[in-house]
Each structure stands twice: as C-alpha cells, then as structure tokens.
Amino acid sequence: MLVGSILLFVGGPDYYSNRVFKAAWDLGHIPFMFVFGIAALRMLHRTQFISKKALPVVYGCVIIGIAFSSEYIQSFVGRTSSLSDVFADVLGGALAWLFVYGLAQRVLVALTLALGIIVITPFFTIMYDEMIAKNQFPLISGFENNTELSRWTGSGKLNRSALRSTEGSYSLEFLLLAEGYSGVAIRSFPSSWQGYHFLQFDVWSPQEGLPVTVRIHDRLHTDRVQLYSDRFNKGYRLKRGWNRISISLNDVQNAPKNRELNLSEVWGLGLFSHNLGTQEKLYLDQLILMP
C-alpha cells in the first residue's frame, strides 16, 4: 500500500510517453485498490459499531471516496485527473470484496465483470492498434481501422468518415476552430523514418485559400523548451476540395535551428490553424512515407 500510494503521485508516464506504457500504468490502480480494499475490510471488521448490513455501504463509500480524492489530489502534482482511473479504483475495491466474501453475490459479480470490461478494453484496444500500426507502416494512418482514432487528438471531436476519402473507404473528419490554435495531431506511430524521403497525405478543404500549418518534431524537441525554431513548420494555402501535400524529409531534417531533426525518433506530427475566424470541417486521409 505504501509503494502504491507513492506511485499514485510520483513517477510514471508523462505527456509524451508511449501510450502502451500509459495504459499499463493506469491499470496499476486495480492491484493497489485491491490491497487497500482488503486492508480496509479488516479494519472495518474490527470496528464494533458498524453492523453487517451497514458494512457494504460504508466500504463502498470508503472506496469511492479514496478513488475520487486521489484523482483530485493528482491534479495538483502534475497529473491529469481521469474518470477511467476512478473506475479502475472501484474495480480493485470490488475485487477485494469478492476475494474476502466469495462469488455468491451474483449481482456484484456481474457488475464487477462489466466494470472490468470497461476498464481493461482500452488497454487491449491500444495493444491491437499498435500491431496494426507496425504492420501497415510506412502507412502512418489510412483510417480504415476504427482503432486508429486512438492515435489521434484534436481540438474537437474526431470521426472516421465514409463521406470523403482518397484511398479506401474512410478518412478522418476534424474541426478547425474560429479562435486560437486548433487542428489534429498524431501521438503514436512508428518513429523511425530513416530510409524514406517524403511524407505525403491528402487533406480536404471546404474553401479556397484556407491556411494551415504542418508541424513535425522529434524526441529531443519534447525535452527542450519546444521553441518554434526547433522543429519543422510549414504553412499551406489549401484549395477547395482535396489537396495532396508532399513534404521532403530532407527539409524536415534540416528545419531546426543549429541542429538536425532526428528522423529515427520522430515524436509528433500535426496540422493546425490559428485564429481562422470561422469554424471549418476538414478531412484527412492516407498519411504515408514515400521512398
């Protein structure tokens, strides 16, 4: 319990860590709350003023209280509060109860199984998509598999769309917002781009002359102040309809000031706009490295 308590607030993945490591680390809430739950039940049994009927209610309040309070405290120590972590905590507590009292309580067993599926499914989804990403490389993302959305983040809701595509049946539908920086970025993909010479992708624009910027950075960039001059940035004016963009990786490599971008550790790729003035819906398809 002491080790688990420390690991709730110290160590672990950061924003740029591998997503498999992140997902596996989050599952650590389950064994921690399992051990905590057994200890809590032993303490509650020794408390004479708690009746057998009240015990489940008191125990449930303790587990839920610890789950929410730990997430709240994490928000003050550089961690991100997550409802999925709360579910994992409750799952660990429920497993502790079943371990102590057996599997006779069918309703609790069914609820625990359902909660377990909710908590563990994202981990296996990420593992499955990691295999897809490796198998389809040098295609970085073609959006033909639903799990590919787990690689992407955006300023609005992201959808796989069958409305428009340049290859296969689907593309990525995303929003550019009217104010501030907005766009899409892929956070997880095979990072070694050595041996390839171009990055190519298709983007659909609803209007003529819509301005967007492509940014690419390596792992070293994430460990620095992340200056604009320390990564690849290039602006484009999109024509109405589909646009095919081809970027020389030689230009990417030589983009940072006073150094070369490491093409064996490419860590981030994004497309964004700034203070666009209107909200626009765009489509992205077929990001691929070319020889």
C-alpha atoms as a PDB file:
ATOM      1  CA  MET A   1       0.000   0.000   0.000  1.00  0.00           C
ATOM      2  CA  LEU A   2       2.858   2.385   0.798  1.00  0.00           C
ATOM      3  CA  VAL A   3       4.539   1.742  -2.553  1.00  0.00           C
ATOM      4  CA  GLY A   4       1.223   2.074  -4.388  1.00  0.00           C
ATOM      5  CA  SER A   5       0.434   5.338  -2.591  1.00  0.00           C
ATOM      6  CA  ILE A   6       3.762   6.811  -3.663  1.00  0.00           C
ATOM      7  CA  LEU A   7       3.293   5.691  -7.278  1.00  0.00           C
ATOM      8  CA  LEU A   8      -0.069   7.483  -7.427  1.00  0.00           C
ATOM      9  CA  PHE A   9       1.781  10.788  -7.237  1.00  0.00           C
ATOM     10  CA  VAL A  10       5.441  10.126  -8.161  1.00  0.00           C
ATOM     11  CA  GLY A  11       6.922   8.626 -11.324  1.00  0.00           C
ATOM     12  CA  GLY A  12       5.047   7.075 -14.179  1.00  0.00           C
ATOM     13  CA  PRO A  13       4.415   8.277 -17.740  1.00  0.00           C
ATOM     14  CA  ASP A  14       4.368  11.875 -18.889  1.00  0.00           C
ATOM     15  CA  TYR A  15       2.508  13.546 -21.769  1.00  0.00           C
ATOM     16  CA  TYR A  16       4.924  12.203 -24.386  1.00  0.00           C
ATOM     17  CA  SER A  17       5.298   8.664 -23.030  1.00  0.00           C
ATOM     18  CA  ASN A  18       4.403   5.611 -25.101  1.00  0.00           C
ATOM     19  CA  ARG A  19       0.653   5.035 -24.967  1.00  0.00           C
ATOM     20  CA  VAL A  20       1.060   1.322 -24.128  1.00  0.00           C
ATOM     21  CA  PHE A  21       3.126   2.312 -21.081  1.00  0.00           C
ATOM     22  CA  LYS A  22       0.473   4.875 -20.135  1.00  0.00           C
ATOM     23  CA  ALA A  23      -2.348   2.349 -20.420  1.00  0.00           C
ATOM     24  CA  ALA A  24      -0.433  -0.317 -18.470  1.00  0.00           C
ATOM     25  CA  TRP A  25       0.465   2.184 -15.742  1.00  0.00           C
ATOM     26  CA  ASP A  26      -3.188   3.197 -15.348  1.00  0.00           C
ATOM     27  CA  LEU A  27      -4.121  -0.461 -14.755  1.00  0.00           C
ATOM     28  CA  GLY A  28      -1.913  -0.302 -11.644  1.00  0.00           C
ATOM     29  CA  HIS A  29      -4.881   1.295  -9.869  1.00  0.00           C
ATOM     30  CA  ILE A  30      -6.549  -2.134  -9.790  1.00  0.00           C
ATOM     31  CA  PRO A  31      -3.977  -4.049  -7.680  1.00  0.00           C
ATOM     32  CA  PHE A  32      -3.421  -1.009  -5.462  1.00  0.00           C
ATOM     33  CA  MET A  33      -7.104  -0.687  -4.581  1.00  0.00           C
ATOM     34  CA  PHE A  34      -7.388  -4.474  -4.269  1.00  0.00           C
ATOM     35  CA  VAL A  35      -4.774  -4.454  -1.490  1.00  0.00           C
ATOM     36  CA  PHE A  36      -6.246  -1.288   0.018  1.00  0.00           C
ATOM     37  CA  GLY A  37      -9.728  -2.841  -0.055  1.00  0.00           C
ATOM     38  CA  ILE A  38      -8.612  -5.960   1.825  1.00  0.00           C
ATOM     39  CA  ALA A  39      -6.895  -3.788   4.445  1.00  0.00           C
ATOM     40  CA  ALA A  40      -9.982  -1.563   4.732  1.00  0.00           C
ATOM     41  CA  LEU A  41     -12.262  -4.576   5.238  1.00  0.00           C
ATOM     42  CA  ARG A  42     -10.020  -5.908   8.006  1.00  0.00           C
ATOM     43  CA  MET A  43     -10.140  -2.546   9.769  1.00  0.00           C
ATOM     44  CA  LEU A  44     -13.925  -2.245   9.363  1.00  0.00           C
ATOM     45  CA  HIS A  45     -14.426  -5.742  10.788  1.00  0.00           C
ATOM     46  CA  ARG A  46     -12.619  -4.631  13.936  1.00  0.00           C
ATOM     47  CA  THR A  47     -14.901  -1.627  14.275  1.00  0.00           C
ATOM     48  CA  GLN A  48     -17.695  -2.842  16.542  1.00  0.00           C
ATOM     49  CA  PHE A  49     -20.239  -0.071  15.877  1.00  0.00           C
ATOM     50  CA  ILE A  50     -20.618  -0.976  12.132  1.00  0.00           C
ATOM     51  CA  SER A  51     -23.323  -3.599  11.551  1.00  0.00           C
ATOM     52  CA  LYS A  52     -23.155  -6.286   8.889  1.00  0.00           C
ATOM     53  CA  LYS A  53     -25.913  -4.560   6.911  1.00  0.00           C
ATOM     54  CA  ALA A  54     -24.112  -1.216   7.002  1.00  0.00           C
ATOM     55  CA  LEU A  55     -20.710  -2.698   6.132  1.00  0.00           C
ATOM     56  CA  PRO A  56     -21.200  -2.770   2.312  1.00  0.00           C
ATOM     57  CA  VAL A  57     -22.386   0.842   2.312  1.00  0.00           C
ATOM     58  CA  VAL A  58     -19.518   2.055   4.487  1.00  0.00           C
ATOM     59  CA  TYR A  59     -16.978   0.073   2.473  1.00  0.00           C
ATOM     60  CA  GLY A  60     -18.362   1.394  -0.827  1.00  0.00           C
ATOM     61  CA  CYS A  61     -18.177   4.973   0.449  1.00  0.00           C
ATOM     62  CA  VAL A  62     -14.557   4.448   1.544  1.00  0.00           C
ATOM     63  CA  ILE A  63     -13.512   3.024  -1.846  1.00  0.00           C
ATOM     64  CA  ILE A  64     -15.321   5.689  -3.870  1.00  0.00           C
ATOM     65  CA  GLY A  65     -14.042   8.426  -1.550  1.00  0.00           C
ATOM     66  CA  ILE A  66     -10.428   7.278  -1.929  1.00  0.00           C
ATOM     67  CA  ALA A  67     -10.864   6.943  -5.709  1.00  0.00           C
ATOM     68  CA  PHE A  68     -12.144  10.484  -6.218  1.00  0.00           C
ATOM     69  CA  SER A  69      -9.906  12.144  -3.622  1.00  0.00           C
ATOM     70  CA  SER A  70      -6.741  10.574  -5.050  1.00  0.00           C
ATOM     71  CA  GLU A  71      -7.654  11.807  -8.540  1.00  0.00           C
ATOM     72  CA  TYR A  72      -8.367  15.269  -7.142  1.00  0.00           C
ATOM     73  CA  ILE A  73      -5.002  15.409  -5.369  1.00  0.00           C
ATOM     74  CA  GLN A  74      -3.231  14.193  -8.525  1.00  0.00           C
ATOM     75  CA  SER A  75      -4.427  17.301 -10.355  1.00  0.00           C
ATOM     76  CA  PHE A  76      -2.192  19.373  -8.050  1.00  0.00           C
ATOM     77  CA  VAL A  77       1.002  17.345  -8.623  1.00  0.00           C
ATOM     78  CA  GLY A  78       1.249  17.466 -12.415  1.00  0.00           C
ATOM     79  CA  ARG A  79      -1.040  14.503 -13.115  1.00  0.00           C
ATOM     80  CA  THR A  80      -4.257  14.521 -15.111  1.00  0.00           C
ATOM     81  CA  SER A  81      -7.466  13.522 -13.354  1.00  0.00           C
ATOM     82  CA  SER A  82      -9.239  10.703 -15.162  1.00  0.00           C
ATOM     83  CA  LEU A  83     -12.628   9.068 -14.732  1.00  0.00           C
ATOM     84  CA  SER A  84     -11.140   5.840 -16.111  1.00  0.00           C
ATOM     85  CA  ASP A  85      -8.740   5.783 -13.137  1.00  0.00           C
ATOM     86  CA  VAL A  86     -11.717   6.136 -10.803  1.00  0.00           C
ATOM     87  CA  PHE A  87     -13.343   3.135 -12.494  1.00  0.00           C
ATOM     88  CA  ALA A  88     -10.100   1.164 -12.090  1.00  0.00           C
ATOM     89  CA  ASP A  89     -10.002   2.050  -8.384  1.00  0.00           C
ATOM     90  CA  VAL A  90     -13.599   0.933  -7.889  1.00  0.00           C
ATOM     91  CA  LEU A  91     -12.866  -2.283  -9.803  1.00  0.00           C
ATOM     92  CA  GLY A  92      -9.946  -3.053  -7.476  1.00  0.00           C
ATOM     93  CA  GLY A  93     -12.158  -2.416  -4.458  1.00  0.00           C
ATOM     94  CA  ALA A  94     -14.914  -4.661  -5.826  1.00  0.00           C
ATOM     95  CA  LEU A  95     -12.427  -7.475  -6.470  1.00  0.00           C
ATOM     96  CA  ALA A  96     -11.215  -7.175  -2.864  1.00  0.00           C
ATOM     97  CA  TRP A  97     -14.781  -7.581  -1.590  1.00  0.00           C
ATOM     98  CA  LEU A  98     -15.340 -10.656  -3.770  1.00  0.00           C
ATOM     99  CA  PHE A  99     -11.996 -12.092  -2.645  1.00  0.00           C
ATOM    100  CA  VAL A 100     -12.999 -11.790   1.020  1.00  0.00           C
ATOM    101  CA  TYR A 101     -16.666 -12.801   0.746  1.00  0.00           C
ATOM    102  CA  GLY A 102     -16.633 -15.136  -2.255  1.00  0.00           C
ATOM    103  CA  LEU A 103     -18.612 -15.147  -5.509  1.00  0.00           C
ATOM    104  CA  ALA A 104     -22.059 -15.854  -4.070  1.00  0.00           C
ATOM    105  CA  GLN A 105     -23.287 -12.300  -4.680  1.00  0.00           C
ATOM    106  CA  ARG A 106     -24.263 -12.640  -8.322  1.00  0.00           C
ATOM    107  CA  VAL A 107     -25.275  -9.024  -8.865  1.00  0.00           C
ATOM    108  CA  LEU A 108     -21.920  -7.748  -7.594  1.00  0.00           C
ATOM    109  CA  VAL A 109     -20.081 -10.335  -9.702  1.00  0.00           C
ATOM    110  CA  ALA A 110     -21.961  -9.186 -12.823  1.00  0.00           C
ATOM    111  CA  LEU A 111     -21.299  -5.501 -12.075  1.00  0.00           C
ATOM    112  CA  THR A 112     -17.610  -6.241 -11.427  1.00  0.00           C
ATOM    113  CA  LEU A 113     -17.302  -8.106 -14.731  1.00  0.00           C
ATOM    114  CA  ALA A 114     -18.971  -5.231 -16.582  1.00  0.00           C
ATOM    115  CA  LEU A 115     -16.711  -2.675 -14.908  1.00  0.00           C
ATOM    116  CA  GLY A 116     -13.688  -4.857 -15.672  1.00  0.00           C
ATOM    117  CA  ILE A 117     -14.571  -4.859 -19.362  1.00  0.00           C
ATOM    118  CA  ILE A 118     -14.926  -1.062 -19.332  1.00  0.00           C
ATOM    119  CA  VAL A 119     -11.563  -0.580 -17.600  1.00  0.00           C
ATOM    120  CA  ILE A 120      -9.475  -3.152 -19.478  1.00  0.00           C
ATOM    121  CA  THR A 121     -10.877  -2.746 -23.023  1.00  0.00           C
ATOM    122  CA  PRO A 122      -8.922   0.482 -23.768  1.00  0.00           C
ATOM    123  CA  PHE A 123      -5.637  -1.280 -22.946  1.00  0.00           C
ATOM    124  CA  PHE A 124      -6.312  -4.149 -25.363  1.00  0.00           C
ATOM    125  CA  THR A 125      -7.595  -1.697 -27.987  1.00  0.00           C
ATOM    126  CA  ILE A 126      -4.276   0.170 -27.821  1.00  0.00           C
ATOM    127  CA  MET A 127      -2.283  -3.077 -27.967  1.00  0.00           C
ATOM    128  CA  TYR A 128      -4.279  -4.177 -31.028  1.00  0.00           C
ATOM    129  CA  ASP A 129      -3.792  -0.826 -32.740  1.00  0.00           C
ATOM    130  CA  GLU A 130      -0.059  -0.907 -32.027  1.00  0.00           C
ATOM    131  CA  MET A 131       0.132  -4.146 -34.025  1.00  0.00           C
ATOM    132  CA  ILE A 132      -1.880  -2.572 -36.851  1.00  0.00           C
ATOM    133  CA  ALA A 133       0.402   0.482 -36.894  1.00  0.00           C
ATOM    134  CA  LYS A 134       3.522  -1.670 -37.192  1.00  0.00           C
ATOM    135  CA  ASN A 135       2.032  -3.909 -39.881  1.00  0.00           C
ATOM    136  CA  GLN A 136       0.780  -1.064 -42.083  1.00  0.00           C
ATOM    137  CA  PHE A 137       3.938   1.064 -41.853  1.00  0.00           C
ATOM    138  CA  PRO A 138       5.100   3.073 -43.885  1.00  0.00           C
ATOM    139  CA  LEU A 139       1.407   3.972 -43.998  1.00  0.00           C
ATOM    140  CA  ILE A 140       1.133   6.093 -40.872  1.00  0.00           C
ATOM    141  CA  SER A 141      -2.652   6.296 -40.891  1.00  0.00           C
ATOM    142  CA  GLY A 142      -5.266   5.473 -43.503  1.00  0.00           C
ATOM    143  CA  PHE A 143      -8.282   5.415 -41.146  1.00  0.00           C
ATOM    144  CA  GLU A 144      -9.606   2.094 -42.439  1.00  0.00           C
ATOM    145  CA  ASN A 145      -9.484   0.650 -38.906  1.00  0.00           C
ATOM    146  CA  ASN A 146     -11.637   2.129 -36.159  1.00  0.00           C
ATOM    147  CA  THR A 147      -8.847   1.755 -33.587  1.00  0.00           C
ATOM    148  CA  GLU A 148      -6.725   4.299 -35.478  1.00  0.00           C
ATOM    149  CA  LEU A 149      -8.651   7.101 -33.787  1.00  0.00           C
ATOM    150  CA  SER A 150      -6.844   6.172 -30.558  1.00  0.00           C
ATOM    151  CA  ARG A 151      -3.624   7.546 -32.100  1.00  0.00           C
ATOM    152  CA  TRP A 152      -5.078  10.992 -32.740  1.00  0.00           C
ATOM    153  CA  THR A 153      -6.010  14.046 -30.705  1.00  0.00           C
ATOM    154  CA  GLY A 154      -7.848  17.128 -31.883  1.00  0.00           C
ATOM    155  CA  SER A 155      -9.430  20.411 -30.882  1.00  0.00           C
ATOM    156  CA  GLY A 156     -12.878  18.899 -31.436  1.00  0.00           C
ATOM    157  CA  LYS A 157     -14.480  15.502 -31.795  1.00  0.00           C
ATOM    158  CA  LEU A 158     -12.705  13.238 -34.288  1.00  0.00           C
ATOM    159  CA  ASN A 159     -14.674  10.878 -36.532  1.00  0.00           C
ATOM    160  CA  ARG A 160     -13.941   8.294 -39.178  1.00  0.00           C
ATOM    161  CA  SER A 161     -15.994   9.438 -42.139  1.00  0.00           C
ATOM    162  CA  ALA A 162     -17.194   7.492 -45.174  1.00  0.00           C
ATOM    163  CA  LEU A 163     -18.323  10.740 -46.799  1.00  0.00           C
ATOM    164  CA  ARG A 164     -14.963  11.521 -48.407  1.00  0.00           C
ATOM    165  CA  SER A 165     -11.734   9.592 -48.964  1.00  0.00           C
ATOM    166  CA  THR A 166      -8.867   9.350 -51.432  1.00  0.00           C
ATOM    167  CA  GLU A 167      -7.867   5.777 -50.573  1.00  0.00           C
ATOM    168  CA  GLY A 168     -10.093   3.061 -49.149  1.00  0.00           C
ATOM    169  CA  SER A 169     -13.471   3.898 -47.660  1.00  0.00           C
ATOM    170  CA  TYR A 170     -12.717   6.243 -44.757  1.00  0.00           C
ATOM    171  CA  SER A 171     -10.970   9.470 -43.843  1.00  0.00           C
ATOM    172  CA  LEU A 172     -10.549  11.468 -40.631  1.00  0.00           C
ATOM    173  CA  GLU A 173     -13.125  14.223 -40.076  1.00  0.00           C
ATOM    174  CA  PHE A 174     -11.903  17.040 -37.812  1.00  0.00           C
ATOM    175  CA  LEU A 175     -12.600  20.679 -36.960  1.00  0.00           C
ATOM    176  CA  LEU A 176     -10.584  23.860 -37.174  1.00  0.00           C
ATOM    177  CA  LEU A 177     -11.940  26.357 -34.660  1.00  0.00           C
ATOM    178  CA  ALA A 178     -12.519  30.061 -35.232  1.00  0.00           C
ATOM    179  CA  GLU A 179     -10.200  31.251 -32.439  1.00  0.00           C
ATOM    180  CA  GLY A 180      -6.850  30.145 -31.043  1.00  0.00           C
ATOM    181  CA  TYR A 181      -4.773  27.202 -32.176  1.00  0.00           C
ATOM    182  CA  SER A 182      -6.754  24.201 -33.383  1.00  0.00           C
ATOM    183  CA  GLY A 183      -6.245  21.124 -35.512  1.00  0.00           C
ATOM    184  CA  VAL A 184      -5.237  17.483 -35.239  1.00  0.00           C
ATOM    185  CA  ALA A 185      -2.098  15.646 -34.168  1.00  0.00           C
ATOM    186  CA  ILE A 186      -0.984  12.036 -34.138  1.00  0.00           C
ATOM    187  CA  ARG A 187       0.846  10.989 -30.993  1.00  0.00           C
ATOM    188  CA  SER A 188       1.630   7.335 -31.605  1.00  0.00           C
ATOM    189  CA  PHE A 189       3.241   5.875 -34.719  1.00  0.00           C
ATOM    190  CA  PRO A 190       6.480   4.094 -35.724  1.00  0.00           C
ATOM    191  CA  SER A 191       9.067   6.770 -35.037  1.00  0.00           C
ATOM    192  CA  SER A 192      11.924   5.714 -37.316  1.00  0.00           C
ATOM    193  CA  TRP A 193      11.524   7.477 -40.671  1.00  0.00           C
ATOM    194  CA  GLN A 194      15.042   6.817 -41.897  1.00  0.00           C
ATOM    195  CA  GLY A 195      15.218   5.373 -45.399  1.00  0.00           C
ATOM    196  CA  TYR A 196      12.226   7.394 -46.616  1.00  0.00           C
ATOM    197  CA  HIS A 197      12.328  10.676 -48.493  1.00  0.00           C
ATOM    198  CA  PHE A 198       8.821  12.162 -48.425  1.00  0.00           C
ATOM    199  CA  LEU A 199       5.803  12.412 -46.161  1.00  0.00           C
ATOM    200  CA  GLN A 200       2.612  12.520 -48.221  1.00  0.00           C
ATOM    201  CA  PHE A 201      -1.015  12.994 -47.191  1.00  0.00           C
ATOM    202  CA  ASP A 202      -4.343  14.287 -48.510  1.00  0.00           C
ATOM    203  CA  VAL A 203      -6.463  16.965 -46.869  1.00  0.00           C
ATOM    204  CA  TRP A 204      -9.891  18.175 -47.999  1.00  0.00           C
ATOM    205  CA  SER A 205     -10.758  21.859 -47.558  1.00  0.00           C
ATOM    206  CA  PRO A 206     -14.259  23.377 -47.693  1.00  0.00           C
ATOM    207  CA  GLN A 207     -12.964  26.708 -49.007  1.00  0.00           C
ATOM    208  CA  GLU A 208     -10.336  28.244 -51.246  1.00  0.00           C
ATOM    209  CA  GLY A 209      -7.179  29.598 -49.623  1.00  0.00           C
ATOM    210  CA  LEU A 210      -7.712  28.107 -46.182  1.00  0.00           C
ATOM    211  CA  PRO A 211      -4.416  28.490 -44.223  1.00  0.00           C
ATOM    212  CA  VAL A 212      -2.954  25.516 -42.332  1.00  0.00           C
ATOM    213  CA  THR A 213       0.461  24.697 -40.895  1.00  0.00           C
ATOM    214  CA  VAL A 214       2.140  21.309 -40.688  1.00  0.00           C
ATOM    215  CA  ARG A 215       4.468  20.723 -37.728  1.00  0.00           C
ATOM    216  CA  ILE A 216       6.833  17.809 -37.137  1.00  0.00           C
ATOM    217  CA  HIS A 217       9.158  17.343 -34.161  1.00  0.00           C
ATOM    218  CA  ASP A 218      11.478  14.698 -32.750  1.00  0.00           C
ATOM    219  CA  ARG A 219      12.000  13.329 -29.261  1.00  0.00           C
ATOM    220  CA  LEU A 220      14.741  15.818 -28.398  1.00  0.00           C
ATOM    221  CA  HIS A 221      12.299  18.659 -29.060  1.00  0.00           C
ATOM    222  CA  THR A 222       9.959  17.341 -26.348  1.00  0.00           C
ATOM    223  CA  ASP A 223      12.773  17.500 -23.770  1.00  0.00           C
ATOM    224  CA  ARG A 224      13.549  21.148 -24.529  1.00  0.00           C
ATOM    225  CA  VAL A 225      11.664  24.438 -24.270  1.00  0.00           C
ATOM    226  CA  GLN A 226       9.933  23.434 -27.526  1.00  0.00           C
ATOM    227  CA  LEU A 227      10.784  26.568 -29.477  1.00  0.00           C
ATOM    228  CA  TYR A 228       9.133  27.183 -32.829  1.00  0.00           C
ATOM    229  CA  SER A 229      12.596  27.248 -34.421  1.00  0.00           C
ATOM    230  CA  ASP A 230      13.453  23.812 -33.028  1.00  0.00           C
ATOM    231  CA  ARG A 231      11.030  21.848 -35.232  1.00  0.00           C
ATOM    232  CA  PHE A 232       9.674  21.664 -38.773  1.00  0.00           C
ATOM    233  CA  ASN A 233       6.871  24.131 -39.576  1.00  0.00           C
ATOM    234  CA  LYS A 234       5.464  24.862 -42.995  1.00  0.00           C
ATOM    235  CA  GLY A 235       2.348  26.787 -43.965  1.00  0.00           C
ATOM    236  CA  TYR A 236      -0.006  25.964 -46.834  1.00  0.00           C
ATOM    237  CA  ARG A 237      -2.957  27.620 -48.524  1.00  0.00           C
ATOM    238  CA  LEU A 238      -5.420  24.879 -49.338  1.00  0.00           C
ATOM    239  CA  LYS A 239      -7.554  24.966 -52.439  1.00  0.00           C
ATOM    240  CA  ARG A 240     -11.203  23.947 -52.253  1.00  0.00           C
ATOM    241  CA  GLY A 241     -11.568  20.155 -52.299  1.00  0.00           C
ATOM    242  CA  TRP A 242      -8.780  17.605 -51.992  1.00  0.00           C
ATOM    243  CA  ASN A 243      -5.156  18.721 -51.645  1.00  0.00           C
ATOM    244  CA  ARG A 244      -2.195  16.343 -51.835  1.00  0.00           C
ATOM    245  CA  ILE A 245       0.704  17.576 -49.713  1.00  0.00           C
ATOM    246  CA  SER A 246       4.183  16.123 -50.116  1.00  0.00           C
ATOM    247  CA  ILE A 247       6.920  17.139 -47.671  1.00  0.00           C
ATOM    248  CA  SER A 248      10.602  16.410 -48.216  1.00  0.00           C
ATOM    249  CA  LEU A 249      12.082  14.671 -45.194  1.00  0.00           C
ATOM    250  CA  ASN A 250      15.358  16.352 -46.038  1.00  0.00           C
ATOM    251  CA  ASP A 251      13.621  19.675 -45.347  1.00  0.00           C
ATOM    252  CA  VAL A 252      12.239  18.212 -42.126  1.00  0.00           C
ATOM    253  CA  GLN A 253      15.680  17.066 -41.044  1.00  0.00           C
ATOM    254  CA  ASN A 254      17.250  20.481 -41.651  1.00  0.00           C
ATOM    255  CA  ALA A 255      14.389  22.548 -40.228  1.00  0.00           C
ATOM    256  CA  PRO A 256      15.576  23.023 -36.589  1.00  0.00           C
ATOM    257  CA  LYS A 257      17.987  25.884 -35.986  1.00  0.00           C
ATOM    258  CA  ASN A 258      21.552  24.812 -35.113  1.00  0.00           C
ATOM    259  CA  ARG A 259      20.855  21.078 -35.296  1.00  0.00           C
ATOM    260  CA  GLU A 260      19.281  18.314 -37.358  1.00  0.00           C
ATOM    261  CA  LEU A 261      15.920  16.796 -36.564  1.00  0.00           C
ATOM    262  CA  ASN A 262      16.432  13.112 -35.717  1.00  0.00           C
ATOM    263  CA  LEU A 263      14.467  11.094 -38.292  1.00  0.00           C
ATOM    264  CA  SER A 264      14.983   7.918 -36.255  1.00  0.00           C
ATOM    265  CA  GLU A 265      12.972   9.404 -33.374  1.00  0.00           C
ATOM    266  CA  VAL A 266      10.134  11.405 -34.919  1.00  0.00           C
ATOM    267  CA  TRP A 267       7.808  12.044 -31.999  1.00  0.00           C
ATOM    268  CA  GLY A 268       4.984  14.261 -33.242  1.00  0.00           C
ATOM    269  CA  LEU A 269       3.095  15.272 -36.375  1.00  0.00           C
ATOM    270  CA  GLY A 270       0.257  17.747 -36.534  1.00  0.00           C
ATOM    271  CA  LEU A 271      -1.781  20.019 -38.759  1.00  0.00           C
ATOM    272  CA  PHE A 272      -3.214  23.202 -37.264  1.00  0.00           C
ATOM    273  CA  SER A 273      -4.558  26.671 -37.892  1.00  0.00           C
ATOM    274  CA  HIS A 274      -4.513  29.852 -35.803  1.00  0.00           C
ATOM    275  CA  ASN A 275      -7.354  32.363 -35.391  1.00  0.00           C
ATOM    276  CA  LEU A 276      -9.091  31.137 -38.514  1.00  0.00           C
ATOM    277  CA  GLY A 277     -12.102  33.411 -37.984  1.00  0.00           C
ATOM    278  CA  THR A 278     -14.631  30.707 -38.852  1.00  0.00           C
ATOM    279  CA  GLN A 279     -15.122  27.111 -37.793  1.00  0.00           C
ATOM    280  CA  GLU A 280     -14.433  24.689 -40.635  1.00  0.00           C
ATOM    281  CA  LYS A 281     -14.745  20.928 -41.077  1.00  0.00           C
ATOM    282  CA  LEU A 282     -11.853  19.232 -42.882  1.00  0.00           C
ATOM    283  CA  TYR A 283     -10.941  15.676 -43.860  1.00  0.00           C
ATOM    284  CA  LEU A 284      -7.558  13.962 -43.702  1.00  0.00           C
ATOM    285  CA  ASP A 285      -6.547  10.757 -45.461  1.00  0.00           C
ATOM    286  CA  GLN A 286      -3.673   8.476 -46.401  1.00  0.00           C
ATOM    287  CA  LEU A 287      -0.649   9.693 -44.419  1.00  0.00           C
ATOM    288  CA  ILE A 288       2.238   7.696 -45.792  1.00  0.00           C
ATOM    289  CA  LEU A 289       6.030   7.792 -46.055  1.00  0.00           C
ATOM    290  CA  MET A 290       7.360   7.518 -49.610  1.00  0.00           C
ATOM    291  CA  PRO A 291      10.740   6.229 -50.844  1.00  0.00           C
END
